[in-house]
Amino acid sequence: PLTNSMGGGLDMYRPNEANAFMRPLHRLAKEFDISILIARHLRKQASDNAMHMGQGSMAFGGAVRSGMIVTPHPTRADWRVLAHYKSSYAKEAGSEAFEICTPPKGGAARVVWHGPVEMSANELVTQSSVQDSVLDRAIRALEDYLAPGPAKAREVIAAMKKKGVQERTLDRAKKKLGVVSGKGPGAKWKLPD
């Protein structure tokens, strides 16, 4: 992320310091006719403007020529959406759904694209799914996983871990959904009837 490159003493929330950091990058890009990709974490506070969702000063969003955001998919807990929120030189691209898949036996993860999402970046950030808690996303992921039927507990735990759901959060999601679980080796979890 961008903040790891800023160095000590710079305050990423101060516009003048953010601009001072971005100016050499702008000169570098212009001199060598290159694009520079900058990644920022999202802030925790909600906003109805995608440009305001990045951590740090608004000057970062103002300095770039093209800005995109990755948000949770509005209905699929394991998918994400890449959405364009700023484009100075061309028409903004449409929003696209994707997921990151890891082979069952390990190996490199890959991106699988699922096509267009008919929502703008601003519409996506105002969706409750973007502002949901970690627990809400864990509940949706667990519910999606168990929807086809019962599954072995250890397989559910492994699948949720791959989706970034921590075990403690999974326990809370399990309790909130009322998941029925057996005991002992080979125990299965299932959604309540």
C-alpha atoms as a PDB file:
ATOM      1  CA  PRO A   1       0.000   0.000   0.000  1.00  0.00           C
ATOM      2  CA  LEU A   2       0.947   3.595  -0.589  1.00  0.00           C
ATOM      3  CA  THR A   3       1.425   4.377   3.096  1.00  0.00           C
ATOM      4  CA  ASN A   4       4.299   1.878   3.341  1.00  0.00           C
ATOM      5  CA  SER A   5       6.258   3.960   0.827  1.00  0.00           C
ATOM      6  CA  MET A   6       5.715   7.384   2.366  1.00  0.00           C
ATOM      7  CA  GLY A   7       8.546   7.221   4.879  1.00  0.00           C
ATOM      8  CA  GLY A   8       8.635   8.504   8.408  1.00  0.00           C
ATOM      9  CA  GLY A   9       7.624  12.018   9.231  1.00  0.00           C
ATOM     10  CA  LEU A  10       5.037  12.385   6.453  1.00  0.00           C
ATOM     11  CA  ASP A  11       1.381  12.633   7.432  1.00  0.00           C
ATOM     12  CA  MET A  12      -0.770  11.012   4.749  1.00  0.00           C
ATOM     13  CA  TYR A  13      -3.822  12.958   5.975  1.00  0.00           C
ATOM     14  CA  ARG A  14      -2.292  16.378   5.265  1.00  0.00           C
ATOM     15  CA  PRO A  15      -2.949  17.513   1.652  1.00  0.00           C
ATOM     16  CA  ASN A  16       0.309  19.472   1.347  1.00  0.00           C
ATOM     17  CA  GLU A  17       2.344  16.405   2.417  1.00  0.00           C
ATOM     18  CA  ALA A  18       0.348  14.089   0.158  1.00  0.00           C
ATOM     19  CA  ASN A  19       0.933  16.440  -2.791  1.00  0.00           C
ATOM     20  CA  ALA A  20       4.659  16.646  -1.976  1.00  0.00           C
ATOM     21  CA  PHE A  21       4.800  12.837  -2.062  1.00  0.00           C
ATOM     22  CA  MET A  22       2.850  12.570  -5.347  1.00  0.00           C
ATOM     23  CA  ARG A  23       4.752  15.275  -7.328  1.00  0.00           C
ATOM     24  CA  PRO A  24       7.919  13.186  -7.932  1.00  0.00           C
ATOM     25  CA  LEU A  25       5.763  10.229  -8.994  1.00  0.00           C
ATOM     26  CA  HIS A  26       3.927  12.448 -11.474  1.00  0.00           C
ATOM     27  CA  ARG A  27       7.243  13.707 -12.894  1.00  0.00           C
ATOM     28  CA  LEU A  28       8.574  10.134 -13.151  1.00  0.00           C
ATOM     29  CA  ALA A  29       5.462   8.934 -14.991  1.00  0.00           C
ATOM     30  CA  LYS A  30       5.578  11.877 -17.383  1.00  0.00           C
ATOM     31  CA  GLU A  31       9.327  11.621 -18.081  1.00  0.00           C
ATOM     32  CA  PHE A  32       9.262   7.887 -18.866  1.00  0.00           C
ATOM     33  CA  ASP A  33       5.717   7.784 -20.294  1.00  0.00           C
ATOM     34  CA  ILE A  34       4.649   5.113 -17.811  1.00  0.00           C
ATOM     35  CA  SER A  35       1.706   4.362 -15.569  1.00  0.00           C
ATOM     36  CA  ILE A  36       2.182   4.003 -11.837  1.00  0.00           C
ATOM     37  CA  LEU A  37      -0.227   1.851  -9.877  1.00  0.00           C
ATOM     38  CA  ILE A  38      -0.933   3.048  -6.344  1.00  0.00           C
ATOM     39  CA  ALA A  39      -2.850   0.937  -3.828  1.00  0.00           C
ATOM     40  CA  ARG A  40      -4.516   2.399  -0.736  1.00  0.00           C
ATOM     41  CA  HIS A  41      -6.486   0.702   1.994  1.00  0.00           C
ATOM     42  CA  LEU A  42     -10.091   1.752   2.465  1.00  0.00           C
ATOM     43  CA  ARG A  43     -11.027   3.698   5.535  1.00  0.00           C
ATOM     44  CA  LYS A  44     -13.572   2.255   7.927  1.00  0.00           C
ATOM     45  CA  GLN A  45     -16.013   5.188   7.894  1.00  0.00           C
ATOM     46  CA  ALA A  46     -18.844   4.975   5.379  1.00  0.00           C
ATOM     47  CA  SER A  47     -19.127   7.400   2.479  1.00  0.00           C
ATOM     48  CA  ASP A  48     -21.415   7.800  -0.509  1.00  0.00           C
ATOM     49  CA  ASN A  49     -18.470   8.852  -2.682  1.00  0.00           C
ATOM     50  CA  ALA A  50     -15.978   6.176  -3.779  1.00  0.00           C
ATOM     51  CA  MET A  51     -13.181   8.746  -4.105  1.00  0.00           C
ATOM     52  CA  HIS A  52     -13.510   9.486  -0.381  1.00  0.00           C
ATOM     53  CA  MET A  53     -13.134   5.824   0.667  1.00  0.00           C
ATOM     54  CA  GLY A  54      -9.330   5.671   0.426  1.00  0.00           C
ATOM     55  CA  GLN A  55      -7.259   6.261   3.538  1.00  0.00           C
ATOM     56  CA  GLY A  56      -5.365   9.492   3.739  1.00  0.00           C
ATOM     57  CA  SER A  57      -5.819  12.894   2.175  1.00  0.00           C
ATOM     58  CA  MET A  58      -8.227  13.588  -0.691  1.00  0.00           C
ATOM     59  CA  ALA A  59      -5.140  14.927  -2.482  1.00  0.00           C
ATOM     60  CA  PHE A  60      -4.226  11.339  -3.437  1.00  0.00           C
ATOM     61  CA  GLY A  61      -7.523  10.918  -5.287  1.00  0.00           C
ATOM     62  CA  GLY A  62      -7.139  14.343  -6.874  1.00  0.00           C
ATOM     63  CA  ALA A  63      -3.613  13.650  -8.117  1.00  0.00           C
ATOM     64  CA  VAL A  64      -4.339  10.452 -10.025  1.00  0.00           C
ATOM     65  CA  ARG A  65      -5.677  10.402 -13.581  1.00  0.00           C
ATOM     66  CA  SER A  66      -7.633   7.171 -13.159  1.00  0.00           C
ATOM     67  CA  GLY A  67      -9.057   5.805  -9.914  1.00  0.00           C
ATOM     68  CA  MET A  68     -10.635   2.422  -9.177  1.00  0.00           C
ATOM     69  CA  ILE A  69     -11.996   0.737  -6.081  1.00  0.00           C
ATOM     70  CA  VAL A  70     -12.500  -2.899  -5.133  1.00  0.00           C
ATOM     71  CA  THR A  71     -15.655  -3.531  -3.091  1.00  0.00           C
ATOM     72  CA  PRO A  72     -17.506  -6.625  -1.933  1.00  0.00           C
ATOM     73  CA  HIS A  73     -20.085  -7.857  -4.440  1.00  0.00           C
ATOM     74  CA  PRO A  74     -23.596  -6.734  -3.400  1.00  0.00           C
ATOM     75  CA  THR A  75     -25.029 -10.276  -3.346  1.00  0.00           C
ATOM     76  CA  ARG A  76     -22.144 -12.794  -3.486  1.00  0.00           C
ATOM     77  CA  ALA A  77     -19.989 -12.929  -0.338  1.00  0.00           C
ATOM     78  CA  ASP A  78     -17.039 -14.593  -2.113  1.00  0.00           C
ATOM     79  CA  TRP A  79     -16.963 -12.180  -5.082  1.00  0.00           C
ATOM     80  CA  ARG A  80     -15.580  -8.659  -5.398  1.00  0.00           C
ATOM     81  CA  VAL A  81     -16.261  -5.805  -7.828  1.00  0.00           C
ATOM     82  CA  LEU A  82     -13.660  -3.624  -9.543  1.00  0.00           C
ATOM     83  CA  ALA A  83     -15.273  -0.239 -10.204  1.00  0.00           C
ATOM     84  CA  HIS A  84     -13.930   2.902 -11.880  1.00  0.00           C
ATOM     85  CA  TYR A  85     -14.632   6.137  -9.982  1.00  0.00           C
ATOM     86  CA  LYS A  86     -12.402   8.618 -11.816  1.00  0.00           C
ATOM     87  CA  SER A  87     -11.056   8.916 -15.329  1.00  0.00           C
ATOM     88  CA  SER A  88      -9.477  12.159 -16.518  1.00  0.00           C
ATOM     89  CA  TYR A  89      -8.567  11.084 -20.054  1.00  0.00           C
ATOM     90  CA  ALA A  90     -11.252   8.626 -21.143  1.00  0.00           C
ATOM     91  CA  LYS A  91     -14.742   7.370 -20.375  1.00  0.00           C
ATOM     92  CA  GLU A  92     -14.970   5.438 -17.104  1.00  0.00           C
ATOM     93  CA  ALA A  93     -14.971   1.672 -17.551  1.00  0.00           C
ATOM     94  CA  GLY A  94     -17.928  -0.365 -16.314  1.00  0.00           C
ATOM     95  CA  SER A  95     -17.839  -2.271 -13.036  1.00  0.00           C
ATOM     96  CA  GLU A  96     -16.743  -5.920 -13.254  1.00  0.00           C
ATOM     97  CA  ALA A  97     -17.299  -8.820 -10.825  1.00  0.00           C
ATOM     98  CA  PHE A  98     -14.478 -11.221 -10.003  1.00  0.00           C
ATOM     99  CA  GLU A  99     -13.302 -13.724  -7.434  1.00  0.00           C
ATOM    100  CA  ILE A 100      -9.884 -14.930  -6.401  1.00  0.00           C
ATOM    101  CA  CYS A 101      -9.667 -18.727  -6.635  1.00  0.00           C
ATOM    102  CA  THR A 102      -6.997 -20.884  -5.058  1.00  0.00           C
ATOM    103  CA  PRO A 103      -6.520 -24.454  -6.291  1.00  0.00           C
ATOM    104  CA  PRO A 104      -7.627 -27.038  -3.671  1.00  0.00           C
ATOM    105  CA  LYS A 105      -4.105 -28.494  -3.415  1.00  0.00           C
ATOM    106  CA  GLY A 106      -2.386 -25.124  -3.159  1.00  0.00           C
ATOM    107  CA  GLY A 107      -0.551 -23.297  -5.886  1.00  0.00           C
ATOM    108  CA  ALA A 108      -0.987 -19.832  -7.284  1.00  0.00           C
ATOM    109  CA  ALA A 109      -4.276 -18.019  -6.861  1.00  0.00           C
ATOM    110  CA  ARG A 110      -6.007 -16.802 -10.005  1.00  0.00           C
ATOM    111  CA  VAL A 111      -8.605 -14.171 -10.794  1.00  0.00           C
ATOM    112  CA  VAL A 112     -11.831 -15.408 -12.359  1.00  0.00           C
ATOM    113  CA  TRP A 113     -13.917 -12.666 -13.975  1.00  0.00           C
ATOM    114  CA  HIS A 114     -17.718 -12.963 -13.795  1.00  0.00           C
ATOM    115  CA  GLY A 115     -18.802 -10.106 -16.028  1.00  0.00           C
ATOM    116  CA  PRO A 116     -20.352  -6.673 -15.671  1.00  0.00           C
ATOM    117  CA  VAL A 117     -22.137  -5.343 -12.606  1.00  0.00           C
ATOM    118  CA  GLU A 118     -24.690  -2.660 -13.414  1.00  0.00           C
ATOM    119  CA  MET A 119     -23.690  -0.379 -10.545  1.00  0.00           C
ATOM    120  CA  SER A 120     -21.316   2.574 -10.388  1.00  0.00           C
ATOM    121  CA  ALA A 121     -18.509   2.849  -7.855  1.00  0.00           C
ATOM    122  CA  ASN A 122     -20.565   5.334  -5.814  1.00  0.00           C
ATOM    123  CA  GLU A 123     -23.608   3.025  -5.839  1.00  0.00           C
ATOM    124  CA  LEU A 124     -21.429   0.126  -4.715  1.00  0.00           C
ATOM    125  CA  VAL A 125     -19.934   1.996  -1.756  1.00  0.00           C
ATOM    126  CA  THR A 126     -23.364   3.081  -0.558  1.00  0.00           C
ATOM    127  CA  GLN A 127     -24.617  -0.515  -0.613  1.00  0.00           C
ATOM    128  CA  SER A 128     -24.914  -1.958   2.861  1.00  0.00           C
ATOM    129  CA  SER A 129     -22.632  -4.830   1.862  1.00  0.00           C
ATOM    130  CA  VAL A 130     -19.670  -2.450   1.660  1.00  0.00           C
ATOM    131  CA  GLN A 131     -20.414  -1.100   5.112  1.00  0.00           C
ATOM    132  CA  ASP A 132     -21.273  -4.481   6.648  1.00  0.00           C
ATOM    133  CA  SER A 133     -19.279  -5.730   9.534  1.00  0.00           C
ATOM    134  CA  VAL A 134     -16.840  -8.594   9.240  1.00  0.00           C
ATOM    135  CA  LEU A 135     -19.439 -10.729  11.022  1.00  0.00           C
ATOM    136  CA  ASP A 136     -22.131  -9.913   8.432  1.00  0.00           C
ATOM    137  CA  ARG A 137     -19.829 -10.971   5.594  1.00  0.00           C
ATOM    138  CA  ALA A 138     -18.906 -14.164   7.479  1.00  0.00           C
ATOM    139  CA  ILE A 139     -22.599 -14.989   7.958  1.00  0.00           C
ATOM    140  CA  ARG A 140     -23.253 -14.576   4.219  1.00  0.00           C
ATOM    141  CA  ALA A 141     -20.201 -16.667   3.294  1.00  0.00           C
ATOM    142  CA  LEU A 142     -21.181 -19.476   5.692  1.00  0.00           C
ATOM    143  CA  GLU A 143     -24.794 -19.421   4.537  1.00  0.00           C
ATOM    144  CA  ASP A 144     -23.707 -19.581   0.863  1.00  0.00           C
ATOM    145  CA  TYR A 145     -21.368 -22.484   1.608  1.00  0.00           C
ATOM    146  CA  LEU A 146     -23.972 -24.535   3.507  1.00  0.00           C
ATOM    147  CA  ALA A 147     -26.908 -23.712   1.186  1.00  0.00           C
ATOM    148  CA  PRO A 148     -26.398 -26.831  -1.009  1.00  0.00           C
ATOM    149  CA  GLY A 149     -26.515 -29.093   2.072  1.00  0.00           C
ATOM    150  CA  PRO A 150     -24.518 -30.426   5.044  1.00  0.00           C
ATOM    151  CA  ALA A 151     -20.714 -30.287   4.878  1.00  0.00           C
ATOM    152  CA  LYS A 152     -17.913 -31.696   7.002  1.00  0.00           C
ATOM    153  CA  ALA A 153     -16.896 -29.265   9.740  1.00  0.00           C
ATOM    154  CA  ARG A 154     -13.200 -29.287   8.865  1.00  0.00           C
ATOM    155  CA  GLU A 155     -14.012 -28.574   5.190  1.00  0.00           C
ATOM    156  CA  VAL A 156     -16.260 -25.654   6.167  1.00  0.00           C
ATOM    157  CA  ILE A 157     -13.568 -24.212   8.445  1.00  0.00           C
ATOM    158  CA  ALA A 158     -10.920 -24.546   5.699  1.00  0.00           C
ATOM    159  CA  ALA A 159     -13.188 -22.950   3.066  1.00  0.00           C
ATOM    160  CA  MET A 160     -14.046 -20.029   5.343  1.00  0.00           C
ATOM    161  CA  LYS A 161     -10.366 -19.518   6.177  1.00  0.00           C
ATOM    162  CA  LYS A 162      -9.620 -19.241   2.427  1.00  0.00           C
ATOM    163  CA  LYS A 163     -12.282 -16.524   2.255  1.00  0.00           C
ATOM    164  CA  GLY A 164     -10.537 -14.636   5.052  1.00  0.00           C
ATOM    165  CA  VAL A 165     -13.008 -15.552   7.813  1.00  0.00           C
ATOM    166  CA  GLN A 166     -11.198 -16.033  11.111  1.00  0.00           C
ATOM    167  CA  GLU A 167     -12.221 -19.006  13.280  1.00  0.00           C
ATOM    168  CA  ARG A 168     -13.568 -16.855  16.109  1.00  0.00           C
ATOM    169  CA  THR A 169     -15.720 -14.861  13.658  1.00  0.00           C
ATOM    170  CA  LEU A 170     -16.849 -18.133  12.081  1.00  0.00           C
ATOM    171  CA  ASP A 171     -17.988 -19.382  15.505  1.00  0.00           C
ATOM    172  CA  ARG A 172     -20.050 -16.212  15.952  1.00  0.00           C
ATOM    173  CA  ALA A 173     -21.546 -16.532  12.449  1.00  0.00           C
ATOM    174  CA  LYS A 174     -22.367 -20.187  13.114  1.00  0.00           C
ATOM    175  CA  LYS A 175     -24.184 -19.252  16.308  1.00  0.00           C
ATOM    176  CA  LYS A 176     -26.057 -16.346  14.679  1.00  0.00           C
ATOM    177  CA  LEU A 177     -27.274 -18.580  11.804  1.00  0.00           C
ATOM    178  CA  GLY A 178     -28.210 -21.387  14.201  1.00  0.00           C
ATOM    179  CA  VAL A 179     -26.023 -23.877  12.326  1.00  0.00           C
ATOM    180  CA  VAL A 180     -26.591 -27.445  13.510  1.00  0.00           C
ATOM    181  CA  SER A 181     -23.336 -29.324  14.081  1.00  0.00           C
ATOM    182  CA  GLY A 182     -22.423 -32.842  15.108  1.00  0.00           C
ATOM    183  CA  LYS A 183     -19.646 -33.924  17.445  1.00  0.00           C
ATOM    184  CA  GLY A 184     -16.497 -35.971  16.886  1.00  0.00           C
ATOM    185  CA  PRO A 185     -14.479 -36.841  13.778  1.00  0.00           C
ATOM    186  CA  GLY A 186     -16.372 -36.453  10.523  1.00  0.00           C
ATOM    187  CA  ALA A 187     -18.942 -34.142  12.156  1.00  0.00           C
ATOM    188  CA  LYS A 188     -21.048 -32.167   9.696  1.00  0.00           C
ATOM    189  CA  TRP A 189     -22.538 -28.688   9.784  1.00  0.00           C
ATOM    190  CA  LYS A 190     -25.909 -27.806   8.274  1.00  0.00           C
ATOM    191  CA  LEU A 191     -28.288 -24.877   8.182  1.00  0.00           C
ATOM    192  CA  PRO A 192     -31.318 -25.187  10.469  1.00  0.00           C
ATOM    193  CA  ASP A 193     -34.477 -26.662   8.927  1.00  0.00           C
END
